[in-house]
Amino acid sequence: MSSYRSDITGKIIKMRDIHFSSKLFESFCSKTTLDELLCSYKGLPKGVNYMVIGDPGVGKTNCLRPPCEHSETTAQSTHSLH
């Protein structure tokens, strides 16, 4: 029986000691209905991942294509995986 705990090295960090860039919490306006649908204020937070699931043919791609195209045509640094 091997002890996996002996292989773990690390440092405990308190949540109050973690600092994030304020740019992470800025909104990204996609100029679509998703700005209001997925967030309580205008725009989508940059530091958030969304997973859109549904049966084939329900419109997932049609719903997400405009925000992705808008992010590619603007100078904003965004990444999307689809």
C-alpha atoms as a PDB file:
ATOM      1  CA  MET A   1       0.000   0.000   0.000  1.00  0.00           C
ATOM      2  CA  SER A   2       1.610   3.235  -1.132  1.00  0.00           C
ATOM      3  CA  SER A   3       1.005   6.521   0.546  1.00  0.00           C
ATOM      4  CA  TYR A   4       0.005   9.131  -2.013  1.00  0.00           C
ATOM      5  CA  ARG A   5       0.241  11.899   0.566  1.00  0.00           C
ATOM      6  CA  SER A   6       4.019  11.648   0.679  1.00  0.00           C
ATOM      7  CA  ASP A   7       4.149  12.510  -3.040  1.00  0.00           C
ATOM      8  CA  ILE A   8       2.154  15.726  -2.689  1.00  0.00           C
ATOM      9  CA  THR A   9       4.145  18.898  -2.301  1.00  0.00           C
ATOM     10  CA  GLY A  10       2.568  22.283  -2.201  1.00  0.00           C
ATOM     11  CA  LYS A  11       1.704  25.335  -0.261  1.00  0.00           C
ATOM     12  CA  ILE A  12      -1.566  26.219   1.376  1.00  0.00           C
ATOM     13  CA  ILE A  13      -2.795  29.625   0.219  1.00  0.00           C
ATOM     14  CA  LYS A  14      -5.561  31.504   1.954  1.00  0.00           C
ATOM     15  CA  MET A  15      -8.352  32.825  -0.263  1.00  0.00           C
ATOM     16  CA  ARG A  16      -7.845  36.343   1.070  1.00  0.00           C
ATOM     17  CA  ASP A  17      -4.243  36.234  -0.179  1.00  0.00           C
ATOM     18  CA  ILE A  18      -5.215  35.492  -3.785  1.00  0.00           C
ATOM     19  CA  HIS A  19      -5.350  38.560  -5.997  1.00  0.00           C
ATOM     20  CA  PHE A  20      -6.827  38.716  -9.487  1.00  0.00           C
ATOM     21  CA  SER A  21      -6.407  41.315 -12.175  1.00  0.00           C
ATOM     22  CA  SER A  22      -9.399  43.648 -12.325  1.00  0.00           C
ATOM     23  CA  LYS A  23      -9.504  43.077 -16.108  1.00  0.00           C
ATOM     24  CA  LEU A  24     -10.691  39.546 -15.416  1.00  0.00           C
ATOM     25  CA  PHE A  25     -13.988  40.929 -14.124  1.00  0.00           C
ATOM     26  CA  GLU A  26     -14.654  43.430 -16.908  1.00  0.00           C
ATOM     27  CA  SER A  27     -17.633  42.739 -19.122  1.00  0.00           C
ATOM     28  CA  PHE A  28     -17.389  41.675 -22.723  1.00  0.00           C
ATOM     29  CA  CYS A  29     -20.319  43.056 -24.690  1.00  0.00           C
ATOM     30  CA  SER A  30     -21.225  40.696 -27.515  1.00  0.00           C
ATOM     31  CA  LYS A  31     -24.015  42.984 -28.756  1.00  0.00           C
ATOM     32  CA  THR A  32     -26.460  40.068 -28.631  1.00  0.00           C
ATOM     33  CA  THR A  33     -29.274  38.932 -26.360  1.00  0.00           C
ATOM     34  CA  LEU A  34     -26.778  36.717 -24.532  1.00  0.00           C
ATOM     35  CA  ASP A  35     -25.414  39.822 -22.793  1.00  0.00           C
ATOM     36  CA  GLU A  36     -28.626  40.042 -20.766  1.00  0.00           C
ATOM     37  CA  LEU A  37     -29.599  36.373 -20.780  1.00  0.00           C
ATOM     38  CA  LEU A  38     -26.440  34.950 -19.189  1.00  0.00           C
ATOM     39  CA  CYS A  39     -25.580  37.802 -16.870  1.00  0.00           C
ATOM     40  CA  SER A  40     -27.460  40.075 -14.493  1.00  0.00           C
ATOM     41  CA  TYR A  41     -25.761  43.146 -15.945  1.00  0.00           C
ATOM     42  CA  LYS A  42     -24.810  44.128 -19.494  1.00  0.00           C
ATOM     43  CA  GLY A  43     -22.104  41.944 -20.967  1.00  0.00           C
ATOM     44  CA  LEU A  44     -20.510  38.592 -20.284  1.00  0.00           C
ATOM     45  CA  PRO A  45     -17.786  38.355 -17.646  1.00  0.00           C
ATOM     46  CA  LYS A  46     -14.421  37.557 -19.215  1.00  0.00           C
ATOM     47  CA  GLY A  47     -13.302  35.157 -16.491  1.00  0.00           C
ATOM     48  CA  VAL A  48     -16.224  32.759 -16.869  1.00  0.00           C
ATOM     49  CA  ASN A  49     -16.653  29.567 -18.852  1.00  0.00           C
ATOM     50  CA  TYR A  50     -20.009  28.649 -20.332  1.00  0.00           C
ATOM     51  CA  MET A  51     -21.038  25.199 -21.485  1.00  0.00           C
ATOM     52  CA  VAL A  52     -24.011  25.137 -23.812  1.00  0.00           C
ATOM     53  CA  ILE A  53     -25.639  21.751 -24.142  1.00  0.00           C
ATOM     54  CA  GLY A  54     -28.682  20.518 -25.955  1.00  0.00           C
ATOM     55  CA  ASP A  55     -30.021  18.057 -28.458  1.00  0.00           C
ATOM     56  CA  PRO A  56     -28.817  18.214 -32.044  1.00  0.00           C
ATOM     57  CA  GLY A  57     -30.607  20.862 -34.069  1.00  0.00           C
ATOM     58  CA  VAL A  58     -31.903  23.056 -31.228  1.00  0.00           C
ATOM     59  CA  GLY A  59     -29.778  26.057 -32.233  1.00  0.00           C
ATOM     60  CA  LYS A  60     -26.690  26.006 -30.028  1.00  0.00           C
ATOM     61  CA  THR A  61     -24.369  27.042 -32.853  1.00  0.00           C
ATOM     62  CA  ASN A  62     -26.774  29.673 -34.188  1.00  0.00           C
ATOM     63  CA  CYS A  63     -27.043  31.144 -30.702  1.00  0.00           C
ATOM     64  CA  LEU A  64     -23.301  31.316 -30.083  1.00  0.00           C
ATOM     65  CA  ARG A  65     -21.964  32.191 -33.537  1.00  0.00           C
ATOM     66  CA  PRO A  66     -22.746  35.964 -33.384  1.00  0.00           C
ATOM     67  CA  PRO A  67     -20.851  36.591 -30.099  1.00  0.00           C
ATOM     68  CA  CYS A  68     -17.877  34.594 -31.372  1.00  0.00           C
ATOM     69  CA  GLU A  69     -17.864  36.478 -34.671  1.00  0.00           C
ATOM     70  CA  HIS A  70     -18.158  39.795 -32.858  1.00  0.00           C
ATOM     71  CA  SER A  71     -15.185  38.970 -30.636  1.00  0.00           C
ATOM     72  CA  GLU A  72     -13.093  38.080 -33.682  1.00  0.00           C
ATOM     73  CA  THR A  73     -13.911  41.325 -35.509  1.00  0.00           C
ATOM     74  CA  THR A  74     -13.151  43.570 -32.535  1.00  0.00           C
ATOM     75  CA  ALA A  75      -9.761  44.204 -31.001  1.00  0.00           C
ATOM     76  CA  GLN A  76     -10.759  42.465 -27.768  1.00  0.00           C
ATOM     77  CA  SER A  77      -8.618  39.584 -26.611  1.00  0.00           C
ATOM     78  CA  THR A  78     -11.026  36.698 -26.198  1.00  0.00           C
ATOM     79  CA  HIS A  79     -10.699  32.988 -26.698  1.00  0.00           C
ATOM     80  CA  SER A  80     -13.463  30.605 -27.629  1.00  0.00           C
ATOM     81  CA  LEU A  81     -13.499  26.865 -28.045  1.00  0.00           C
ATOM     82  CA  HIS A  82     -16.341  25.434 -30.098  1.00  0.00           C
END
